[in-house]
């Protein structure tokens, strides 16, 4: 009988949803990041304070989800 394999850290990180948070309010931005960091299947890859920074982060990190305060 074959033993079940446990996923290694690279496999777990590869399956996490990459998120960028863009908000000009530092408290909201950091609060969202803290809440999202608690989720095992999410990874906040960047938090930007304006659209220009957010667009640079988009090119660098290729996130799955972008949270934007319009």
PDB file of N, CA and C in Angstrom:
ATOM      1  N   UNK A   1       0.834  -1.174   0.000  1.00  0.00           N
ATOM      2  CA  UNK A   1       0.000   0.000   0.000  1.00  0.00           C
ATOM      3  C   UNK A   1       0.887   1.248   0.000  1.00  0.00           C
ATOM      4  N   UNK A   2       0.518   2.227  -0.808  1.00  0.00           N
ATOM      5  CA  UNK A   2       1.323   3.425  -0.963  1.00  0.00           C
ATOM      6  C   UNK A   2       0.994   4.449   0.127  1.00  0.00           C
ATOM      7  N   UNK A   3       2.038   5.014   0.716  1.00  0.00           N
ATOM      8  CA  UNK A   3       1.863   6.029   1.749  1.00  0.00           C
ATOM      9  C   UNK A   3       1.422   7.347   1.104  1.00  0.00           C
ATOM     10  N   UNK A   4       0.497   8.068   1.728  1.00  0.00           N
ATOM     11  CA  UNK A   4       0.125   9.378   1.186  1.00  0.00           C
ATOM     12  C   UNK A   4       1.300  10.338   1.314  1.00  0.00           C
ATOM     13  N   UNK A   5       1.488  11.142   0.292  1.00  0.00           N
ATOM     14  CA  UNK A   5       2.587  12.103   0.324  1.00  0.00           C
ATOM     15  C   UNK A   5       2.081  13.429   0.850  1.00  0.00           C
ATOM     16  N   UNK A   6       2.925  14.083   1.596  1.00  0.00           N
ATOM     17  CA  UNK A   6       2.579  15.418   2.092  1.00  0.00           C
ATOM     18  C   UNK A   6       3.225  16.433   1.172  1.00  0.00           C
ATOM     19  N   UNK A   7       2.501  17.483   0.814  1.00  0.00           N
ATOM     20  CA  UNK A   7       3.072  18.479  -0.093  1.00  0.00           C
ATOM     21  C   UNK A   7       4.198  19.245   0.583  1.00  0.00           C
ATOM     22  N   UNK A   8       5.225  19.563  -0.192  1.00  0.00           N
ATOM     23  CA  UNK A   8       6.324  20.357   0.361  1.00  0.00           C
ATOM     24  C   UNK A   8       5.969  21.846   0.270  1.00  0.00           C
ATOM     25  N   UNK A   9       6.813  22.679   0.827  1.00  0.00           N
ATOM     26  CA  UNK A   9       6.534  24.115   0.904  1.00  0.00           C
ATOM     27  C   UNK A   9       6.393  24.741  -0.480  1.00  0.00           C
ATOM     28  N   UNK A  10       7.205  24.304  -1.451  1.00  0.00           N
ATOM     29  CA  UNK A  10       7.116  24.865  -2.800  1.00  0.00           C
ATOM     30  C   UNK A  10       5.767  24.572  -3.437  1.00  0.00           C
ATOM     31  N   UNK A  11       5.246  23.378  -3.222  1.00  0.00           N
ATOM     32  CA  UNK A  11       3.947  23.014  -3.781  1.00  0.00           C
ATOM     33  C   UNK A  11       2.841  23.844  -3.150  1.00  0.00           C
ATOM     34  N   UNK A  12       2.904  24.023  -1.858  1.00  0.00           N
ATOM     35  CA  UNK A  12       1.883  24.817  -1.163  1.00  0.00           C
ATOM     36  C   UNK A  12       1.924  26.264  -1.634  1.00  0.00           C
ATOM     37  N   UNK A  13       3.117  26.855  -1.722  1.00  0.00           N
ATOM     38  CA  UNK A  13       3.236  28.242  -2.158  1.00  0.00           C
ATOM     39  C   UNK A  13       2.808  28.417  -3.599  1.00  0.00           C
ATOM     40  N   UNK A  14       3.060  27.420  -4.439  1.00  0.00           N
ATOM     41  CA  UNK A  14       2.678  27.513  -5.842  1.00  0.00           C
ATOM     42  C   UNK A  14       1.169  27.555  -6.005  1.00  0.00           C
ATOM     43  N   UNK A  15       0.428  26.980  -5.079  1.00  0.00           N
ATOM     44  CA  UNK A  15      -1.027  26.935  -5.178  1.00  0.00           C
ATOM     45  C   UNK A  15      -1.707  28.102  -4.470  1.00  0.00           C
ATOM     46  N   UNK A  16      -0.943  28.952  -3.819  1.00  0.00           N
ATOM     47  CA  UNK A  16      -1.536  30.086  -3.126  1.00  0.00           C
ATOM     48  C   UNK A  16      -1.964  31.155  -4.123  1.00  0.00           C
ATOM     49  N   UNK A  17      -3.036  31.846  -3.801  1.00  0.00           N
ATOM     50  CA  UNK A  17      -3.547  32.915  -4.648  1.00  0.00           C
ATOM     51  C   UNK A  17      -2.755  34.180  -4.338  1.00  0.00           C
ATOM     52  N   UNK A  18      -2.107  34.725  -5.375  1.00  0.00           N
ATOM     53  CA  UNK A  18      -1.303  35.943  -5.215  1.00  0.00           C
ATOM     54  C   UNK A  18      -2.199  37.173  -5.294  1.00  0.00           C
ATOM     55  N   UNK A  19      -2.070  38.064  -4.301  1.00  0.00           N
ATOM     56  CA  UNK A  19      -2.938  39.239  -4.184  1.00  0.00           C
ATOM     57  C   UNK A  19      -2.085  40.502  -4.091  1.00  0.00           C
ATOM     58  N   UNK A  20      -2.538  41.548  -4.769  1.00  0.00           N
ATOM     59  CA  UNK A  20      -1.966  42.886  -4.590  1.00  0.00           C
ATOM     60  C   UNK A  20      -3.064  43.778  -4.020  1.00  0.00           C
ATOM     61  N   UNK A  21      -2.716  44.559  -3.014  1.00  0.00           N
ATOM     62  CA  UNK A  21      -3.640  45.516  -2.402  1.00  0.00           C
ATOM     63  C   UNK A  21      -3.190  46.918  -2.792  1.00  0.00           C
ATOM     64  N   UNK A  22      -4.113  47.711  -3.358  1.00  0.00           N
ATOM     65  CA  UNK A  22      -3.804  49.101  -3.716  1.00  0.00           C
ATOM     66  C   UNK A  22      -4.811  49.994  -3.002  1.00  0.00           C
ATOM     67  N   UNK A  23      -4.313  50.785  -2.067  1.00  0.00           N
ATOM     68  CA  UNK A  23      -5.177  51.694  -1.301  1.00  0.00           C
ATOM     69  C   UNK A  23      -4.322  52.834  -0.784  1.00  0.00           C
ATOM     70  N   UNK A  24      -4.822  54.060  -0.908  1.00  0.00           N
ATOM     71  CA  UNK A  24      -4.044  55.213  -0.455  1.00  0.00           C
ATOM     72  C   UNK A  24      -4.071  55.390   1.054  1.00  0.00           C
ATOM     73  N   UNK A  25      -5.001  54.748   1.724  1.00  0.00           N
ATOM     74  CA  UNK A  25      -5.079  54.847   3.179  1.00  0.00           C
ATOM     75  C   UNK A  25      -4.202  53.753   3.798  1.00  0.00           C
ATOM     76  N   UNK A  26      -3.151  54.163   4.483  1.00  0.00           N
ATOM     77  CA  UNK A  26      -2.189  53.215   5.038  1.00  0.00           C
ATOM     78  C   UNK A  26      -2.833  52.228   6.006  1.00  0.00           C
ATOM     79  N   UNK A  27      -3.731  52.705   6.862  1.00  0.00           N
ATOM     80  CA  UNK A  27      -4.363  51.811   7.833  1.00  0.00           C
ATOM     81  C   UNK A  27      -5.224  50.747   7.151  1.00  0.00           C
ATOM     82  N   UNK A  28      -5.966  51.144   6.140  1.00  0.00           N
ATOM     83  CA  UNK A  28      -6.794  50.184   5.399  1.00  0.00           C
ATOM     84  C   UNK A  28      -5.899  49.186   4.675  1.00  0.00           C
ATOM     85  N   UNK A  29      -4.874  49.700   3.999  1.00  0.00           N
ATOM     86  CA  UNK A  29      -3.944  48.854   3.242  1.00  0.00           C
ATOM     87  C   UNK A  29      -3.283  47.819   4.148  1.00  0.00           C
ATOM     88  N   UNK A  30      -2.745  48.274   5.262  1.00  0.00           N
ATOM     89  CA  UNK A  30      -2.061  47.358   6.182  1.00  0.00           C
ATOM     90  C   UNK A  30      -3.043  46.411   6.869  1.00  0.00           C
ATOM     91  N   UNK A  31      -4.247  46.905   7.153  1.00  0.00           N
ATOM     92  CA  UNK A  31      -5.260  46.047   7.764  1.00  0.00           C
ATOM     93  C   UNK A  31      -5.697  44.930   6.830  1.00  0.00           C
ATOM     94  N   UNK A  32      -5.951  45.271   5.569  1.00  0.00           N
ATOM     95  CA  UNK A  32      -6.301  44.245   4.588  1.00  0.00           C
ATOM     96  C   UNK A  32      -5.175  43.229   4.429  1.00  0.00           C
ATOM     97  N   UNK A  33      -3.963  43.736   4.363  1.00  0.00           N
ATOM     98  CA  UNK A  33      -2.818  42.833   4.212  1.00  0.00           C
ATOM     99  C   UNK A  33      -2.724  41.889   5.408  1.00  0.00           C
ATOM    100  N   UNK A  34      -2.908  42.392   6.602  1.00  0.00           N
ATOM    101  CA  UNK A  34      -2.842  41.545   7.798  1.00  0.00           C
ATOM    102  C   UNK A  34      -3.939  40.490   7.794  1.00  0.00           C
ATOM    103  N   UNK A  35      -5.158  40.890   7.414  1.00  0.00           N
ATOM    104  CA  UNK A  35      -6.257  39.924   7.351  1.00  0.00           C
ATOM    105  C   UNK A  35      -6.008  38.850   6.299  1.00  0.00           C
ATOM    106  N   UNK A  36      -5.542  39.269   5.137  1.00  0.00           N
ATOM    107  CA  UNK A  36      -5.304  38.316   4.058  1.00  0.00           C
ATOM    108  C   UNK A  36      -4.123  37.389   4.366  1.00  0.00           C
ATOM    109  N   UNK A  37      -3.120  37.908   5.060  1.00  0.00           N
ATOM    110  CA  UNK A  37      -1.960  37.085   5.416  1.00  0.00           C
ATOM    111  C   UNK A  37      -2.322  35.942   6.357  1.00  0.00           C
ATOM    112  N   UNK A  38      -3.446  36.072   7.044  1.00  0.00           N
ATOM    113  CA  UNK A  38      -3.901  35.016   7.951  1.00  0.00           C
ATOM    114  C   UNK A  38      -4.479  33.810   7.205  1.00  0.00           C
ATOM    115  N   UNK A  39      -4.801  34.005   5.941  1.00  0.00           N
ATOM    116  CA  UNK A  39      -5.412  32.938   5.150  1.00  0.00           C
ATOM    117  C   UNK A  39      -4.323  32.056   4.531  1.00  0.00           C
ATOM    118  N   UNK A  40      -4.368  30.757   4.754  1.00  0.00           N
ATOM    119  CA  UNK A  40      -3.294  29.889   4.268  1.00  0.00           C
ATOM    120  C   UNK A  40      -3.236  29.760   2.751  1.00  0.00           C
ATOM    121  N   UNK A  41      -4.339  30.045   2.056  1.00  0.00           N
ATOM    122  CA  UNK A  41      -4.330  29.887   0.605  1.00  0.00           C
ATOM    123  C   UNK A  41      -4.120  31.206  -0.139  1.00  0.00           C
ATOM    124  N   UNK A  42      -3.865  32.294   0.599  1.00  0.00           N
ATOM    125  CA  UNK A  42      -3.616  33.602  -0.003  1.00  0.00           C
ATOM    126  C   UNK A  42      -2.222  34.082   0.339  1.00  0.00           C
ATOM    127  N   UNK A  43      -1.631  34.857  -0.587  1.00  0.00           N
ATOM    128  CA  UNK A  43      -0.327  35.460  -0.348  1.00  0.00           C
ATOM    129  C   UNK A  43      -0.360  36.879  -0.894  1.00  0.00           C
ATOM    130  N   UNK A  44      -0.256  37.876  -0.015  1.00  0.00           N
ATOM    131  CA  UNK A  44      -0.176  39.263  -0.465  1.00  0.00           C
ATOM    132  C   UNK A  44       1.253  39.488  -0.949  1.00  0.00           C
ATOM    133  N   UNK A  45       1.395  39.670  -2.262  1.00  0.00           N
ATOM    134  CA  UNK A  45       2.722  39.830  -2.845  1.00  0.00           C
ATOM    135  C   UNK A  45       3.171  41.280  -2.879  1.00  0.00           C
ATOM    136  N   UNK A  46       2.209  42.217  -2.778  1.00  0.00           N
ATOM    137  CA  UNK A  46       2.560  43.637  -2.755  1.00  0.00           C
ATOM    138  C   UNK A  46       1.385  44.433  -2.207  1.00  0.00           C
ATOM    139  N   UNK A  47       1.722  45.574  -1.612  1.00  0.00           N
ATOM    140  CA  UNK A  47       0.724  46.525  -1.136  1.00  0.00           C
ATOM    141  C   UNK A  47       1.198  47.905  -1.564  1.00  0.00           C
ATOM    142  N   UNK A  48       0.418  48.552  -2.423  1.00  0.00           N
ATOM    143  CA  UNK A  48       0.821  49.840  -2.987  1.00  0.00           C
ATOM    144  C   UNK A  48      -0.099  50.948  -2.489  1.00  0.00           C
ATOM    145  N   UNK A  49       0.458  52.168  -2.425  1.00  0.00           N
ATOM    146  CA  UNK A  49      -0.330  53.299  -1.937  1.00  0.00           C
ATOM    147  C   UNK A  49      -0.962  54.123  -3.053  1.00  0.00           C
ATOM    148  N   UNK A  50      -0.585  53.859  -4.314  1.00  0.00           N
ATOM    149  CA  UNK A  50      -1.184  54.588  -5.433  1.00  0.00           C
ATOM    150  C   UNK A  50      -1.181  53.732  -6.694  1.00  0.00           C
ATOM    151  N   UNK A  51      -1.891  54.225  -7.715  1.00  0.00           N
ATOM    152  CA  UNK A  51      -2.036  53.450  -8.951  1.00  0.00           C
ATOM    153  C   UNK A  51      -0.708  53.207  -9.654  1.00  0.00           C
ATOM    154  N   UNK A  52       0.158  54.221  -9.672  1.00  0.00           N
ATOM    155  CA  UNK A  52       1.441  54.069 -10.365  1.00  0.00           C
ATOM    156  C   UNK A  52       2.264  52.938  -9.743  1.00  0.00           C
ATOM    157  N   UNK A  53       2.338  52.921  -8.421  1.00  0.00           N
ATOM    158  CA  UNK A  53       3.059  51.846  -7.732  1.00  0.00           C
ATOM    159  C   UNK A  53       2.375  50.504  -7.965  1.00  0.00           C
ATOM    160  N   UNK A  54       1.054  50.516  -7.929  1.00  0.00           N
ATOM    161  CA  UNK A  54       0.304  49.291  -8.159  1.00  0.00           C
ATOM    162  C   UNK A  54       0.540  48.717  -9.543  1.00  0.00           C
ATOM    163  N   UNK A  55       0.608  49.576 -10.556  1.00  0.00           N
ATOM    164  CA  UNK A  55       0.869  49.109 -11.917  1.00  0.00           C
ATOM    165  C   UNK A  55       2.262  48.498 -12.035  1.00  0.00           C
ATOM    166  N   UNK A  56       3.233  49.083 -11.371  1.00  0.00           N
ATOM    167  CA  UNK A  56       4.588  48.491 -11.377  1.00  0.00           C
ATOM    168  C   UNK A  56       4.570  47.124 -10.706  1.00  0.00           C
ATOM    169  N   UNK A  57       3.841  47.023  -9.603  1.00  0.00           N
ATOM    170  CA  UNK A  57       3.737  45.745  -8.897  1.00  0.00           C
ATOM    171  C   UNK A  57       3.035  44.689  -9.755  1.00  0.00           C
ATOM    172  N   UNK A  58       2.032  45.117 -10.520  1.00  0.00           N
ATOM    173  CA  UNK A  58       1.329  44.181 -11.404  1.00  0.00           C
ATOM    174  C   UNK A  58       2.283  43.524 -12.388  1.00  0.00           C
ATOM    175  N   UNK A  59       3.162  44.304 -12.955  1.00  0.00           N
ATOM    176  CA  UNK A  59       4.119  43.770 -13.932  1.00  0.00           C
ATOM    177  C   UNK A  59       5.127  42.851 -13.272  1.00  0.00           C
ATOM    178  N   UNK A  60       5.529  43.189 -12.062  1.00  0.00           N
ATOM    179  CA  UNK A  60       6.553  42.398 -11.379  1.00  0.00           C
ATOM    180  C   UNK A  60       6.017  41.094 -10.803  1.00  0.00           C
ATOM    181  N   UNK A  61       4.832  41.124 -10.200  1.00  0.00           N
ATOM    182  CA  UNK A  61       4.353  39.978  -9.423  1.00  0.00           C
ATOM    183  C   UNK A  61       3.281  39.126 -10.109  1.00  0.00           C
ATOM    184  N   UNK A  62       2.693  39.602 -11.185  1.00  0.00           N
ATOM    185  CA  UNK A  62       1.599  38.900 -11.883  1.00  0.00           C
ATOM    186  C   UNK A  62       0.620  38.226 -10.916  1.00  0.00           C
ATOM    187  N   UNK A  63      -0.156  39.041 -10.201  1.00  0.00           N
ATOM    188  CA  UNK A  63      -1.083  38.483  -9.202  1.00  0.00           C
ATOM    189  C   UNK A  63      -2.309  37.835  -9.847  1.00  0.00           C
ATOM    190  N   UNK A  64      -2.992  37.036  -9.069  1.00  0.00           N
ATOM    191  CA  UNK A  64      -4.268  36.476  -9.481  1.00  0.00           C
ATOM    192  C   UNK A  64      -5.397  37.458  -9.191  1.00  0.00           C
ATOM    193  N   UNK A  65      -5.259  38.225  -8.102  1.00  0.00           N
ATOM    194  CA  UNK A  65      -6.303  39.154  -7.644  1.00  0.00           C
ATOM    195  C   UNK A  65      -5.678  40.492  -7.290  1.00  0.00           C
ATOM    196  N   UNK A  66      -6.378  41.575  -7.661  1.00  0.00           N
ATOM    197  CA  UNK A  66      -5.958  42.924  -7.284  1.00  0.00           C
ATOM    198  C   UNK A  66      -7.125  43.582  -6.556  1.00  0.00           C
ATOM    199  N   UNK A  67      -6.892  44.011  -5.319  1.00  0.00           N
ATOM    200  CA  UNK A  67      -7.884  44.756  -4.548  1.00  0.00           C
ATOM    201  C   UNK A  67      -7.538  46.236  -4.670  1.00  0.00           C
ATOM    202  N   UNK A  68      -8.459  47.022  -5.238  1.00  0.00           N
ATOM    203  CA  UNK A  68      -8.195  48.425  -5.497  1.00  0.00           C
ATOM    204  C   UNK A  68      -9.270  49.286  -4.850  1.00  0.00           C
ATOM    205  N   UNK A  69      -8.821  50.323  -4.150  1.00  0.00           N
ATOM    206  CA  UNK A  69      -9.742  51.335  -3.639  1.00  0.00           C
ATOM    207  C   UNK A  69      -9.866  52.374  -4.743  1.00  0.00           C
ATOM    208  N   UNK A  70     -11.019  52.395  -5.404  1.00  0.00           N
ATOM    209  CA  UNK A  70     -11.191  53.298  -6.565  1.00  0.00           C
ATOM    210  C   UNK A  70     -11.335  54.694  -6.059  1.00  0.00           C
TER     211      UNK A  70
END
